[in-house]
Amino acid sequence: MSKPTTVDEYIDSFPENIQAKLRELRAILKEIAPDATEAMKWGSPVFEEKRILFAYAAYKDHMNFMPHPSSLAPFTDELQGYKTGQGSVQLPYDKPIPTELIEKIARHRVWDVRENDAKWM
C-alpha cells in the first residue's frame, strides 16, 4: 500500500475509531486556524500558515498533537497527566480529547508564528 498523499487519505487509512478521533482533532485545529493550509509532511498531517503551525499523527494506542516545544512550555501545569515529548502531547484513544487545552495550545502557536515569526525547528 502506498503512503497517503492527502490528509483525507491519511485519516481514511486507519480503523473507524481512530478516524473519529483524528477528525475531531482536525476540526479543533481548523477552528483555531481556519485560513491555514493542510498538507502532508514527514508522513503526518500538518497545518501551515507561513510556517508549520502544528502536526498530528496516529499510532496504535494514541495520537500525537505536535505544536512545537515552545508552544507547550506555557502549559506545563495543565499538561500534567499527559505523556509529552519534545513538542508533542500524547492523546490516548480511550480518553476524551482535552478540547479546551488543545485550543489554548493551538492559539498560542498561531499567535507565536504570526507575531514572532516563530520557526518550526
N, C-alpha and C. Protein backbone atom coordinates (compact mmCIF):
# COMPACT_ATOMS: atom_id res chain seq x y z
N MET A 1 0.84 -1.18 0.00
CA MET A 1 0.00 0.00 0.00
C MET A 1 0.88 1.24 0.00
N SER A 2 0.53 2.24 -0.81
CA SER A 2 1.34 3.45 -0.90
C SER A 2 1.02 4.40 0.26
N LYS A 3 1.97 5.31 0.48
CA LYS A 3 1.78 6.31 1.53
C LYS A 3 0.66 7.27 1.15
N PRO A 4 -0.13 7.68 2.13
CA PRO A 4 -1.17 8.68 1.84
C PRO A 4 -0.53 9.98 1.36
N THR A 5 -1.16 10.61 0.38
CA THR A 5 -0.64 11.88 -0.12
C THR A 5 -1.52 13.06 0.29
N THR A 6 -2.69 12.77 0.85
CA THR A 6 -3.57 13.84 1.34
C THR A 6 -3.96 13.53 2.79
N VAL A 7 -4.43 14.54 3.47
CA VAL A 7 -4.87 14.35 4.85
C VAL A 7 -6.05 13.40 4.90
N ASP A 8 -6.97 13.52 3.96
CA ASP A 8 -8.12 12.61 3.95
C ASP A 8 -7.68 11.17 3.75
N GLU A 9 -6.75 10.92 2.85
CA GLU A 9 -6.23 9.56 2.66
C GLU A 9 -5.57 9.05 3.93
N TYR A 10 -4.84 9.92 4.60
CA TYR A 10 -4.18 9.55 5.85
C TYR A 10 -5.22 9.09 6.88
N ILE A 11 -6.21 9.92 7.10
CA ILE A 11 -7.25 9.61 8.10
C ILE A 11 -7.99 8.33 7.71
N ASP A 12 -8.33 8.21 6.44
CA ASP A 12 -9.09 7.04 5.97
C ASP A 12 -8.29 5.74 6.06
N SER A 13 -6.99 5.82 6.24
CA SER A 13 -6.16 4.61 6.30
C SER A 13 -6.22 3.93 7.67
N PHE A 14 -6.91 4.54 8.63
CA PHE A 14 -6.99 3.99 9.98
C PHE A 14 -8.36 3.38 10.25
N PRO A 15 -8.45 2.53 11.28
CA PRO A 15 -9.75 1.98 11.67
C PRO A 15 -10.72 3.12 12.06
N GLU A 16 -12.00 2.84 12.00
CA GLU A 16 -13.03 3.86 12.22
C GLU A 16 -12.90 4.59 13.55
N ASN A 17 -12.59 3.86 14.63
CA ASN A 17 -12.49 4.53 15.93
C ASN A 17 -11.35 5.56 15.94
N ILE A 18 -10.26 5.25 15.26
CA ILE A 18 -9.13 6.19 15.19
C ILE A 18 -9.48 7.33 14.23
N GLN A 19 -10.15 7.02 13.14
CA GLN A 19 -10.58 8.06 12.21
C GLN A 19 -11.42 9.12 12.93
N ALA A 20 -12.30 8.67 13.79
CA ALA A 20 -13.18 9.60 14.51
C ALA A 20 -12.36 10.55 15.37
N LYS A 21 -11.36 10.03 16.07
CA LYS A 21 -10.51 10.87 16.92
C LYS A 21 -9.68 11.84 16.07
N LEU A 22 -9.15 11.36 14.95
CA LEU A 22 -8.36 12.22 14.07
C LEU A 22 -9.23 13.34 13.50
N ARG A 23 -10.44 13.00 13.11
CA ARG A 23 -11.35 14.03 12.57
C ARG A 23 -11.72 15.06 13.64
N GLU A 24 -11.89 14.59 14.87
CA GLU A 24 -12.21 15.51 15.96
C GLU A 24 -11.06 16.48 16.20
N LEU A 25 -9.84 15.96 16.25
CA LEU A 25 -8.67 16.83 16.45
C LEU A 25 -8.52 17.78 15.27
N ARG A 26 -8.68 17.27 14.07
CA ARG A 26 -8.57 18.11 12.87
C ARG A 26 -9.57 19.25 12.92
N ALA A 27 -10.80 18.97 13.33
CA ALA A 27 -11.83 20.01 13.40
C ALA A 27 -11.47 21.09 14.43
N ILE A 28 -10.93 20.68 15.55
CA ILE A 28 -10.49 21.64 16.57
C ILE A 28 -9.42 22.56 15.98
N LEU A 29 -8.45 21.98 15.31
CA LEU A 29 -7.35 22.76 14.75
C LEU A 29 -7.82 23.67 13.61
N LYS A 30 -8.75 23.18 12.80
CA LYS A 30 -9.31 24.01 11.72
C LYS A 30 -10.03 25.22 12.28
N GLU A 31 -10.70 25.03 13.41
CA GLU A 31 -11.42 26.14 14.03
C GLU A 31 -10.44 27.22 14.51
N ILE A 32 -9.30 26.81 15.02
CA ILE A 32 -8.30 27.75 15.52
C ILE A 32 -7.54 28.43 14.39
N ALA A 33 -7.29 27.69 13.31
CA ALA A 33 -6.52 28.23 12.18
C ALA A 33 -7.28 27.98 10.87
N PRO A 34 -8.43 28.67 10.69
CA PRO A 34 -9.27 28.38 9.52
C PRO A 34 -8.62 28.72 8.18
N ASP A 35 -7.67 29.62 8.18
CA ASP A 35 -7.02 30.00 6.92
C ASP A 35 -5.76 29.21 6.63
N ALA A 36 -5.39 28.33 7.53
CA ALA A 36 -4.19 27.53 7.34
C ALA A 36 -4.41 26.49 6.24
N THR A 37 -3.34 26.14 5.58
CA THR A 37 -3.36 25.10 4.56
C THR A 37 -3.03 23.77 5.21
N GLU A 38 -3.75 22.74 4.83
CA GLU A 38 -3.44 21.41 5.32
C GLU A 38 -2.57 20.70 4.29
N ALA A 39 -1.59 19.97 4.77
CA ALA A 39 -0.68 19.24 3.89
C ALA A 39 -0.13 18.02 4.63
N MET A 40 0.57 17.19 3.90
CA MET A 40 1.27 16.05 4.48
C MET A 40 2.76 16.37 4.48
N LYS A 41 3.40 16.26 5.64
CA LYS A 41 4.84 16.46 5.78
C LYS A 41 5.37 15.34 6.65
N TRP A 42 6.43 14.72 6.24
CA TRP A 42 7.06 13.64 7.02
C TRP A 42 6.06 12.53 7.34
N GLY A 43 5.07 12.34 6.49
CA GLY A 43 4.10 11.28 6.70
C GLY A 43 2.97 11.62 7.65
N SER A 44 2.89 12.89 8.10
CA SER A 44 1.86 13.31 9.06
C SER A 44 1.13 14.54 8.53
N PRO A 45 -0.14 14.69 8.91
CA PRO A 45 -0.87 15.90 8.54
C PRO A 45 -0.32 17.11 9.30
N VAL A 46 -0.24 18.24 8.60
CA VAL A 46 0.19 19.49 9.21
C VAL A 46 -0.75 20.61 8.79
N PHE A 47 -0.77 21.65 9.59
CA PHE A 47 -1.42 22.90 9.25
C PHE A 47 -0.31 23.92 9.06
N GLU A 48 -0.35 24.63 7.94
CA GLU A 48 0.68 25.62 7.64
C GLU A 48 0.06 26.99 7.42
N GLU A 49 0.72 27.99 7.94
CA GLU A 49 0.34 29.38 7.69
C GLU A 49 1.64 30.17 7.81
N LYS A 50 2.28 30.37 6.69
CA LYS A 50 3.60 30.99 6.66
C LYS A 50 4.66 30.00 7.13
N ARG A 51 4.39 29.27 8.18
CA ARG A 51 5.24 28.21 8.72
C ARG A 51 4.32 27.07 9.16
N ILE A 52 4.91 25.96 9.54
CA ILE A 52 4.09 24.88 10.09
C ILE A 52 3.58 25.33 11.46
N LEU A 53 2.28 25.28 11.62
CA LEU A 53 1.68 25.64 12.91
C LEU A 53 1.70 24.43 13.84
N PHE A 54 1.17 23.31 13.35
CA PHE A 54 1.11 22.10 14.15
C PHE A 54 0.92 20.90 13.24
N ALA A 55 1.24 19.76 13.80
CA ALA A 55 1.07 18.49 13.11
C ALA A 55 0.37 17.53 14.06
N TYR A 56 -0.10 16.42 13.51
CA TYR A 56 -0.67 15.37 14.35
C TYR A 56 -0.44 14.04 13.66
N ALA A 57 -0.47 12.99 14.43
CA ALA A 57 -0.21 11.66 13.87
C ALA A 57 -0.91 10.61 14.72
N ALA A 58 -1.30 9.53 14.08
CA ALA A 58 -1.98 8.43 14.76
C ALA A 58 -1.02 7.27 14.97
N TYR A 59 -1.16 6.63 16.10
CA TYR A 59 -0.39 5.44 16.46
C TYR A 59 -1.36 4.40 16.98
N LYS A 60 -0.84 3.27 17.40
CA LYS A 60 -1.70 2.15 17.82
C LYS A 60 -2.64 2.52 18.97
N ASP A 61 -2.11 3.13 20.03
CA ASP A 61 -2.90 3.40 21.23
C ASP A 61 -3.17 4.88 21.51
N HIS A 62 -2.61 5.74 20.69
CA HIS A 62 -2.77 7.18 20.94
C HIS A 62 -2.51 7.95 19.65
N MET A 63 -2.84 9.23 19.70
CA MET A 63 -2.39 10.13 18.64
C MET A 63 -1.54 11.20 19.28
N ASN A 64 -0.64 11.75 18.50
CA ASN A 64 0.21 12.83 18.96
C ASN A 64 -0.28 14.14 18.37
N PHE A 65 -0.36 15.15 19.21
CA PHE A 65 -0.58 16.52 18.77
C PHE A 65 0.77 17.20 18.92
N MET A 66 1.27 17.79 17.83
CA MET A 66 2.62 18.33 17.83
C MET A 66 2.63 19.80 17.43
N PRO A 67 2.50 20.70 18.41
CA PRO A 67 2.52 22.12 18.09
C PRO A 67 3.94 22.66 17.94
N HIS A 68 4.79 22.46 18.90
CA HIS A 68 6.19 22.90 18.92
C HIS A 68 6.57 22.97 20.40
N PRO A 69 7.82 22.69 20.72
CA PRO A 69 8.20 22.74 22.15
C PRO A 69 7.89 24.07 22.83
N SER A 70 8.14 25.18 22.13
CA SER A 70 7.89 26.49 22.75
C SER A 70 6.40 26.73 22.99
N SER A 71 5.55 26.06 22.25
CA SER A 71 4.11 26.23 22.43
C SER A 71 3.56 25.40 23.58
N LEU A 72 4.30 24.40 24.00
CA LEU A 72 3.87 23.59 25.15
C LEU A 72 4.35 24.17 26.47
N ALA A 73 5.46 24.87 26.45
CA ALA A 73 6.08 25.37 27.69
C ALA A 73 5.12 26.15 28.59
N PRO A 74 4.30 27.06 28.06
CA PRO A 74 3.40 27.81 28.95
C PRO A 74 2.30 26.97 29.60
N PHE A 75 2.15 25.73 29.14
CA PHE A 75 1.03 24.90 29.61
C PHE A 75 1.51 23.68 30.40
N THR A 76 2.72 23.77 30.93
CA THR A 76 3.31 22.64 31.65
C THR A 76 2.40 22.12 32.75
N ASP A 77 1.85 23.01 33.55
CA ASP A 77 0.97 22.58 34.66
C ASP A 77 -0.28 21.88 34.13
N GLU A 78 -0.86 22.42 33.08
CA GLU A 78 -2.09 21.84 32.53
C GLU A 78 -1.84 20.51 31.82
N LEU A 79 -0.59 20.28 31.43
CA LEU A 79 -0.24 19.04 30.73
C LEU A 79 0.12 17.90 31.69
N GLN A 80 0.08 18.18 32.99
CA GLN A 80 0.33 17.10 33.95
C GLN A 80 -0.71 16.01 33.71
N GLY A 81 -0.28 14.79 33.72
CA GLY A 81 -1.20 13.69 33.47
C GLY A 81 -1.21 13.24 32.02
N TYR A 82 -0.54 13.99 31.14
CA TYR A 82 -0.40 13.59 29.75
C TYR A 82 1.07 13.27 29.50
N LYS A 83 1.31 12.27 28.71
CA LYS A 83 2.67 11.96 28.30
C LYS A 83 3.07 12.96 27.22
N THR A 84 4.18 13.61 27.43
CA THR A 84 4.64 14.61 26.47
C THR A 84 6.04 14.24 25.99
N GLY A 85 6.36 14.73 24.83
CA GLY A 85 7.71 14.58 24.28
C GLY A 85 8.18 15.97 23.89
N GLN A 86 9.25 16.03 23.16
CA GLN A 86 9.74 17.33 22.72
C GLN A 86 8.79 17.90 21.68
N GLY A 87 7.90 18.73 22.13
CA GLY A 87 6.95 19.37 21.23
C GLY A 87 5.71 18.56 20.92
N SER A 88 5.44 17.51 21.69
CA SER A 88 4.27 16.68 21.40
C SER A 88 3.52 16.30 22.67
N VAL A 89 2.24 16.01 22.48
CA VAL A 89 1.37 15.55 23.56
C VAL A 89 0.68 14.29 23.07
N GLN A 90 0.73 13.23 23.86
CA GLN A 90 0.03 12.00 23.51
C GLN A 90 -1.42 12.09 23.99
N LEU A 91 -2.32 11.78 23.10
CA LEU A 91 -3.75 11.79 23.40
C LEU A 91 -4.28 10.36 23.23
N PRO A 92 -4.48 9.64 24.35
CA PRO A 92 -4.95 8.26 24.26
C PRO A 92 -6.35 8.19 23.65
N TYR A 93 -6.59 7.16 22.86
CA TYR A 93 -7.88 6.99 22.22
C TYR A 93 -8.99 6.69 23.21
N ASP A 94 -8.64 6.12 24.36
CA ASP A 94 -9.68 5.73 25.31
C ASP A 94 -10.09 6.86 26.25
N LYS A 95 -9.61 8.07 25.99
CA LYS A 95 -9.99 9.24 26.79
C LYS A 95 -10.47 10.34 25.86
N PRO A 96 -11.34 11.21 26.34
CA PRO A 96 -11.79 12.33 25.51
C PRO A 96 -10.62 13.26 25.18
N ILE A 97 -10.68 13.85 24.02
CA ILE A 97 -9.67 14.86 23.66
C ILE A 97 -9.88 16.07 24.57
N PRO A 98 -8.82 16.57 25.19
CA PRO A 98 -8.94 17.75 26.05
C PRO A 98 -9.08 19.01 25.19
N THR A 99 -10.27 19.20 24.66
CA THR A 99 -10.53 20.24 23.66
C THR A 99 -10.05 21.62 24.10
N GLU A 100 -10.41 22.02 25.30
CA GLU A 100 -10.05 23.36 25.77
C GLU A 100 -8.53 23.54 25.82
N LEU A 101 -7.82 22.54 26.29
CA LEU A 101 -6.36 22.62 26.38
C LEU A 101 -5.74 22.64 24.98
N ILE A 102 -6.21 21.81 24.08
CA ILE A 102 -5.69 21.79 22.71
C ILE A 102 -5.94 23.15 22.06
N GLU A 103 -7.12 23.72 22.27
CA GLU A 103 -7.42 25.04 21.71
C GLU A 103 -6.46 26.10 22.24
N LYS A 104 -6.19 26.09 23.53
CA LYS A 104 -5.28 27.08 24.11
C LYS A 104 -3.88 26.95 23.55
N ILE A 105 -3.39 25.72 23.46
CA ILE A 105 -2.04 25.48 22.93
C ILE A 105 -1.98 25.89 21.46
N ALA A 106 -3.00 25.52 20.68
CA ALA A 106 -3.02 25.85 19.26
C ALA A 106 -3.09 27.37 19.06
N ARG A 107 -3.92 28.04 19.85
CA ARG A 107 -3.99 29.51 19.74
C ARG A 107 -2.63 30.15 20.05
N HIS A 108 -1.97 29.62 21.05
CA HIS A 108 -0.66 30.15 21.41
C HIS A 108 0.32 29.98 20.25
N ARG A 109 0.31 28.81 19.62
CA ARG A 109 1.21 28.56 18.50
C ARG A 109 0.90 29.50 17.33
N VAL A 110 -0.37 29.67 17.00
CA VAL A 110 -0.75 30.57 15.91
C VAL A 110 -0.28 31.99 16.22
N TRP A 111 -0.52 32.45 17.43
CA TRP A 111 -0.07 33.78 17.84
C TRP A 111 1.44 33.90 17.71
N ASP A 112 2.18 32.89 18.17
CA ASP A 112 3.64 32.93 18.14
C ASP A 112 4.17 33.01 16.71
N VAL A 113 3.57 32.27 15.81
CA VAL A 113 4.00 32.32 14.41
C VAL A 113 3.66 33.68 13.80
N ARG A 114 2.46 34.16 14.04
CA ARG A 114 2.04 35.44 13.44
C ARG A 114 2.81 36.63 14.01
N GLU A 115 2.98 36.64 15.32
CA GLU A 115 3.59 37.80 15.97
C GLU A 115 5.11 37.74 16.04
N ASN A 116 5.67 36.56 16.17
CA ASN A 116 7.11 36.42 16.38
C ASN A 116 7.83 35.69 15.27
N ASP A 117 7.09 35.33 14.22
CA ASP A 117 7.66 34.55 13.12
C ASP A 117 8.37 33.30 13.64
N ALA A 118 7.76 32.67 14.63
CA ALA A 118 8.36 31.50 15.29
C ALA A 118 8.62 30.39 14.27
N LYS A 119 9.79 29.84 14.33
CA LYS A 119 10.20 28.77 13.42
C LYS A 119 9.67 27.43 13.93
N TRP A 120 9.66 26.42 13.05
CA TRP A 120 9.25 25.07 13.47
C TRP A 120 10.34 24.42 14.26
N MET A 121 11.54 24.44 13.77
CA MET A 121 12.67 23.80 14.46
C MET A 121 13.78 24.79 14.68
